[in-house]
Amino acid sequence: MNDDKTLVCRCEEVSLKTIRDTVQQFSCSSREVKLRTRAGMGYCGGRTCRHVIDTIVSDVNQQAVADEVQLSYRPPVRPMTFGVLGGCCHDNESC
């Protein structure tokens, strides 16, 4: 990935350049990059970009991916049935 306009996090539209600049300026970990840029905080919860962010951070910092707490995936707040999502049921009814 040499193109700085490449979107690393599509959900939050965070570019490779933004992540690189943030890591260089603040000497960030993956978690700090997430908090500073919102990369990994979109609809997918980091499932698409988490590994790429970790790799970019380790490349810029010239270190292996640290054993620190890595970015985590976030499940939905409350599980829902397909009936509720489709609109044929209400929260407390069974379909």
N, C-alpha and C. Protein backbone atom coordinates (compact mmCIF):
# COMPACT_ATOMS: atom_id res chain seq x y z
N MET A 1 0.84 -1.19 0.00
CA MET A 1 0.00 0.00 0.00
C MET A 1 0.88 1.24 0.00
N ASN A 2 1.15 1.75 -1.15
CA ASN A 2 1.97 2.95 -1.26
C ASN A 2 1.15 4.20 -1.55
N ASP A 3 -0.07 4.03 -1.96
CA ASP A 3 -0.91 5.16 -2.30
C ASP A 3 -1.52 5.74 -1.03
N ASP A 4 -1.13 6.97 -0.68
CA ASP A 4 -1.61 7.59 0.56
C ASP A 4 -3.11 7.88 0.54
N LYS A 5 -3.74 7.87 -0.63
CA LYS A 5 -5.18 8.12 -0.72
C LYS A 5 -5.99 6.85 -0.50
N THR A 6 -5.32 5.73 -0.35
CA THR A 6 -6.01 4.46 -0.15
C THR A 6 -6.80 4.51 1.15
N LEU A 7 -8.08 4.14 1.08
CA LEU A 7 -8.90 4.09 2.29
C LEU A 7 -8.62 2.80 3.02
N VAL A 8 -8.15 2.92 4.23
CA VAL A 8 -7.90 1.75 5.07
C VAL A 8 -9.18 1.37 5.77
N CYS A 9 -9.86 2.35 6.35
CA CYS A 9 -11.14 2.12 7.01
C CYS A 9 -12.22 2.73 6.13
N ARG A 10 -12.93 1.87 5.42
CA ARG A 10 -13.98 2.35 4.51
C ARG A 10 -15.17 2.91 5.26
N CYS A 11 -15.48 2.33 6.39
CA CYS A 11 -16.67 2.78 7.14
C CYS A 11 -16.53 4.23 7.61
N GLU A 12 -15.35 4.60 8.09
CA GLU A 12 -15.11 5.95 8.61
C GLU A 12 -14.31 6.80 7.63
N GLU A 13 -13.99 6.25 6.45
CA GLU A 13 -13.25 6.94 5.40
C GLU A 13 -11.92 7.50 5.90
N VAL A 14 -11.12 6.65 6.55
CA VAL A 14 -9.81 7.04 7.06
C VAL A 14 -8.75 6.52 6.09
N SER A 15 -7.92 7.43 5.60
CA SER A 15 -6.93 7.07 4.58
C SER A 15 -5.63 6.56 5.21
N LEU A 16 -4.84 5.93 4.36
CA LEU A 16 -3.51 5.46 4.75
C LEU A 16 -2.66 6.63 5.22
N LYS A 17 -2.72 7.74 4.51
CA LYS A 17 -1.94 8.93 4.89
C LYS A 17 -2.32 9.42 6.28
N THR A 18 -3.59 9.47 6.58
CA THR A 18 -4.05 9.93 7.90
C THR A 18 -3.50 9.03 9.00
N ILE A 19 -3.56 7.73 8.78
CA ILE A 19 -3.06 6.80 9.80
C ILE A 19 -1.55 6.94 9.96
N ARG A 20 -0.82 6.98 8.83
CA ARG A 20 0.64 7.14 8.90
C ARG A 20 1.03 8.43 9.61
N ASP A 21 0.40 9.53 9.23
CA ASP A 21 0.71 10.83 9.85
C ASP A 21 0.43 10.81 11.35
N THR A 22 -0.67 10.19 11.74
CA THR A 22 -1.02 10.12 13.16
C THR A 22 0.00 9.30 13.93
N VAL A 23 0.40 8.17 13.39
CA VAL A 23 1.39 7.32 14.07
C VAL A 23 2.72 8.05 14.18
N GLN A 24 3.14 8.72 13.12
CA GLN A 24 4.41 9.44 13.16
C GLN A 24 4.38 10.61 14.13
N GLN A 25 3.30 11.35 14.14
CA GLN A 25 3.20 12.53 15.00
C GLN A 25 3.11 12.17 16.48
N PHE A 26 2.33 11.13 16.81
CA PHE A 26 2.08 10.82 18.21
C PHE A 26 2.73 9.53 18.69
N SER A 27 3.44 8.83 17.80
CA SER A 27 4.05 7.53 18.13
C SER A 27 2.99 6.61 18.76
N CYS A 28 1.92 6.42 18.02
CA CYS A 28 0.73 5.74 18.51
C CYS A 28 0.79 4.23 18.44
N SER A 29 0.00 3.61 19.29
CA SER A 29 -0.33 2.20 19.18
C SER A 29 -1.58 2.09 18.32
N SER A 30 -1.96 0.88 17.98
CA SER A 30 -3.17 0.67 17.18
C SER A 30 -4.40 1.23 17.89
N ARG A 31 -4.47 1.04 19.17
CA ARG A 31 -5.61 1.54 19.94
C ARG A 31 -5.67 3.06 19.90
N GLU A 32 -4.52 3.71 20.05
CA GLU A 32 -4.50 5.17 20.00
C GLU A 32 -4.88 5.69 18.62
N VAL A 33 -4.44 5.00 17.56
CA VAL A 33 -4.83 5.39 16.21
C VAL A 33 -6.35 5.31 16.08
N LYS A 34 -6.93 4.27 16.62
CA LYS A 34 -8.38 4.12 16.57
C LYS A 34 -9.08 5.29 17.26
N LEU A 35 -8.59 5.67 18.43
CA LEU A 35 -9.21 6.75 19.18
C LEU A 35 -9.00 8.12 18.53
N ARG A 36 -7.85 8.32 17.90
CA ARG A 36 -7.54 9.61 17.29
C ARG A 36 -8.18 9.80 15.91
N THR A 37 -8.35 8.72 15.15
CA THR A 37 -8.81 8.84 13.76
C THR A 37 -10.19 8.23 13.51
N ARG A 38 -10.69 7.44 14.44
CA ARG A 38 -11.93 6.67 14.32
C ARG A 38 -11.80 5.47 13.38
N ALA A 39 -10.60 5.18 12.91
CA ALA A 39 -10.39 3.98 12.09
C ALA A 39 -10.74 2.76 12.91
N GLY A 40 -11.58 1.90 12.38
CA GLY A 40 -12.00 0.71 13.10
C GLY A 40 -13.22 0.91 13.97
N MET A 41 -13.84 2.08 13.91
CA MET A 41 -15.00 2.36 14.76
C MET A 41 -16.30 2.49 13.96
N GLY A 42 -16.28 2.05 12.72
CA GLY A 42 -17.45 2.19 11.87
C GLY A 42 -18.42 1.04 12.01
N TYR A 43 -19.25 0.86 10.98
CA TYR A 43 -20.29 -0.16 11.00
C TYR A 43 -19.74 -1.56 11.19
N CYS A 44 -18.60 -1.86 10.59
CA CYS A 44 -18.07 -3.22 10.68
C CYS A 44 -17.35 -3.47 12.00
N GLY A 45 -17.13 -2.44 12.79
CA GLY A 45 -16.49 -2.61 14.09
C GLY A 45 -15.03 -3.05 13.99
N GLY A 46 -14.37 -2.76 12.88
CA GLY A 46 -12.97 -3.11 12.72
C GLY A 46 -12.73 -4.46 12.10
N ARG A 47 -13.76 -5.17 11.73
CA ARG A 47 -13.58 -6.51 11.15
C ARG A 47 -12.82 -6.46 9.83
N THR A 48 -12.99 -5.37 9.08
CA THR A 48 -12.34 -5.24 7.78
C THR A 48 -10.94 -4.66 7.89
N CYS A 49 -10.73 -3.68 8.74
CA CYS A 49 -9.48 -2.93 8.73
C CYS A 49 -8.56 -3.17 9.91
N ARG A 50 -8.98 -3.90 10.89
CA ARG A 50 -8.19 -4.07 12.11
C ARG A 50 -6.77 -4.58 11.84
N HIS A 51 -6.66 -5.64 11.06
CA HIS A 51 -5.35 -6.22 10.78
C HIS A 51 -4.48 -5.23 10.00
N VAL A 52 -5.07 -4.51 9.06
CA VAL A 52 -4.32 -3.54 8.26
C VAL A 52 -3.80 -2.40 9.14
N ILE A 53 -4.62 -1.92 10.06
CA ILE A 53 -4.19 -0.86 10.97
C ILE A 53 -3.02 -1.34 11.82
N ASP A 54 -3.13 -2.55 12.37
CA ASP A 54 -2.03 -3.12 13.16
C ASP A 54 -0.74 -3.19 12.35
N THR A 55 -0.85 -3.60 11.08
CA THR A 55 0.32 -3.73 10.22
C THR A 55 0.94 -2.37 9.92
N ILE A 56 0.12 -1.38 9.63
CA ILE A 56 0.62 -0.03 9.35
C ILE A 56 1.35 0.53 10.57
N VAL A 57 0.75 0.39 11.73
CA VAL A 57 1.36 0.89 12.97
C VAL A 57 2.70 0.22 13.22
N SER A 58 2.76 -1.09 13.05
CA SER A 58 4.03 -1.79 13.29
C SER A 58 5.07 -1.40 12.25
N ASP A 59 4.67 -1.16 11.00
CA ASP A 59 5.62 -0.73 9.96
C ASP A 59 6.17 0.66 10.26
N VAL A 60 5.30 1.60 10.60
CA VAL A 60 5.74 2.97 10.86
C VAL A 60 6.61 3.02 12.11
N ASN A 61 6.23 2.29 13.15
CA ASN A 61 7.01 2.27 14.39
C ASN A 61 8.22 1.35 14.31
N GLN A 62 8.35 0.61 13.21
CA GLN A 62 9.44 -0.35 12.98
C GLN A 62 9.56 -1.35 14.14
N GLN A 63 8.42 -1.90 14.49
CA GLN A 63 8.34 -2.90 15.55
C GLN A 63 7.37 -3.99 15.12
N ALA A 64 7.53 -5.15 15.71
CA ALA A 64 6.54 -6.20 15.50
C ALA A 64 5.25 -5.76 16.19
N VAL A 65 4.14 -6.34 15.77
CA VAL A 65 2.86 -6.03 16.41
C VAL A 65 2.99 -6.39 17.88
N ALA A 66 2.74 -5.42 18.73
CA ALA A 66 2.96 -5.58 20.17
C ALA A 66 1.94 -6.53 20.78
N ASP A 67 2.28 -7.03 21.96
CA ASP A 67 1.38 -7.90 22.70
C ASP A 67 0.38 -7.10 23.52
N GLU A 68 0.31 -5.80 23.28
CA GLU A 68 -0.64 -4.95 23.98
C GLU A 68 -2.06 -5.36 23.60
N VAL A 69 -2.99 -4.76 24.24
CA VAL A 69 -4.38 -5.01 23.90
C VAL A 69 -4.62 -4.50 22.48
N GLN A 70 -4.97 -5.42 21.60
CA GLN A 70 -5.21 -5.06 20.21
C GLN A 70 -6.63 -4.55 20.05
N LEU A 71 -6.92 -4.05 18.87
CA LEU A 71 -8.28 -3.59 18.59
C LEU A 71 -9.24 -4.77 18.72
N SER A 72 -10.39 -4.51 19.22
CA SER A 72 -11.35 -5.59 19.43
C SER A 72 -12.56 -5.42 18.53
N TYR A 73 -13.27 -6.50 18.33
CA TYR A 73 -14.51 -6.48 17.57
C TYR A 73 -15.65 -6.18 18.52
N ARG A 74 -16.64 -5.48 18.05
CA ARG A 74 -17.80 -5.14 18.88
C ARG A 74 -19.05 -5.79 18.32
N PRO A 75 -19.67 -6.70 19.10
CA PRO A 75 -20.92 -7.30 18.64
C PRO A 75 -22.06 -6.28 18.79
N PRO A 76 -23.20 -6.57 18.18
CA PRO A 76 -24.34 -5.67 18.35
C PRO A 76 -24.70 -5.52 19.84
N VAL A 77 -25.27 -4.40 20.18
CA VAL A 77 -25.63 -4.13 21.57
C VAL A 77 -26.62 -5.15 22.09
N ARG A 78 -27.60 -5.48 21.30
CA ARG A 78 -28.63 -6.42 21.72
C ARG A 78 -29.00 -7.29 20.53
N PRO A 79 -28.96 -8.62 20.68
CA PRO A 79 -29.33 -9.48 19.56
C PRO A 79 -30.80 -9.29 19.20
N MET A 80 -31.10 -9.39 17.91
CA MET A 80 -32.46 -9.24 17.43
C MET A 80 -32.79 -10.39 16.49
N THR A 81 -34.06 -10.74 16.45
CA THR A 81 -34.49 -11.80 15.54
C THR A 81 -34.70 -11.21 14.15
N PHE A 82 -34.74 -12.08 13.15
CA PHE A 82 -35.00 -11.63 11.79
C PHE A 82 -36.41 -11.05 11.66
N GLY A 83 -37.33 -11.56 12.45
CA GLY A 83 -38.69 -11.04 12.42
C GLY A 83 -38.75 -9.59 12.85
N VAL A 84 -38.01 -9.23 13.88
CA VAL A 84 -37.97 -7.85 14.35
C VAL A 84 -37.30 -6.98 13.29
N LEU A 85 -36.21 -7.47 12.72
CA LEU A 85 -35.51 -6.70 11.69
C LEU A 85 -36.38 -6.51 10.46
N GLY A 86 -37.18 -7.52 10.13
CA GLY A 86 -38.05 -7.44 8.95
C GLY A 86 -39.33 -6.66 9.19
N GLY A 87 -39.63 -6.34 10.44
CA GLY A 87 -40.78 -5.52 10.75
C GLY A 87 -42.07 -6.29 10.97
N CYS A 88 -42.03 -7.65 11.00
CA CYS A 88 -43.28 -8.39 11.19
C CYS A 88 -43.58 -8.64 12.67
N CYS A 89 -42.62 -8.40 13.54
CA CYS A 89 -42.79 -8.63 14.98
C CYS A 89 -42.35 -7.38 15.73
N HIS A 90 -42.78 -7.35 16.98
CA HIS A 90 -42.29 -6.31 17.88
C HIS A 90 -41.31 -6.97 18.84
N ASP A 91 -40.59 -6.19 19.59
CA ASP A 91 -39.52 -6.70 20.47
C ASP A 91 -39.96 -7.85 21.38
N ASN A 92 -41.12 -7.75 21.99
CA ASN A 92 -41.52 -8.73 23.00
C ASN A 92 -42.45 -9.81 22.48
N GLU A 93 -42.82 -9.78 21.22
CA GLU A 93 -43.72 -10.79 20.67
C GLU A 93 -42.92 -11.91 20.04
N SER A 94 -43.50 -13.08 19.98
CA SER A 94 -42.86 -14.15 19.22
C SER A 94 -43.55 -14.25 17.88
N CYS A 95 -42.81 -14.56 16.88
CA CYS A 95 -43.37 -14.58 15.51
C CYS A 95 -43.89 -15.95 15.16
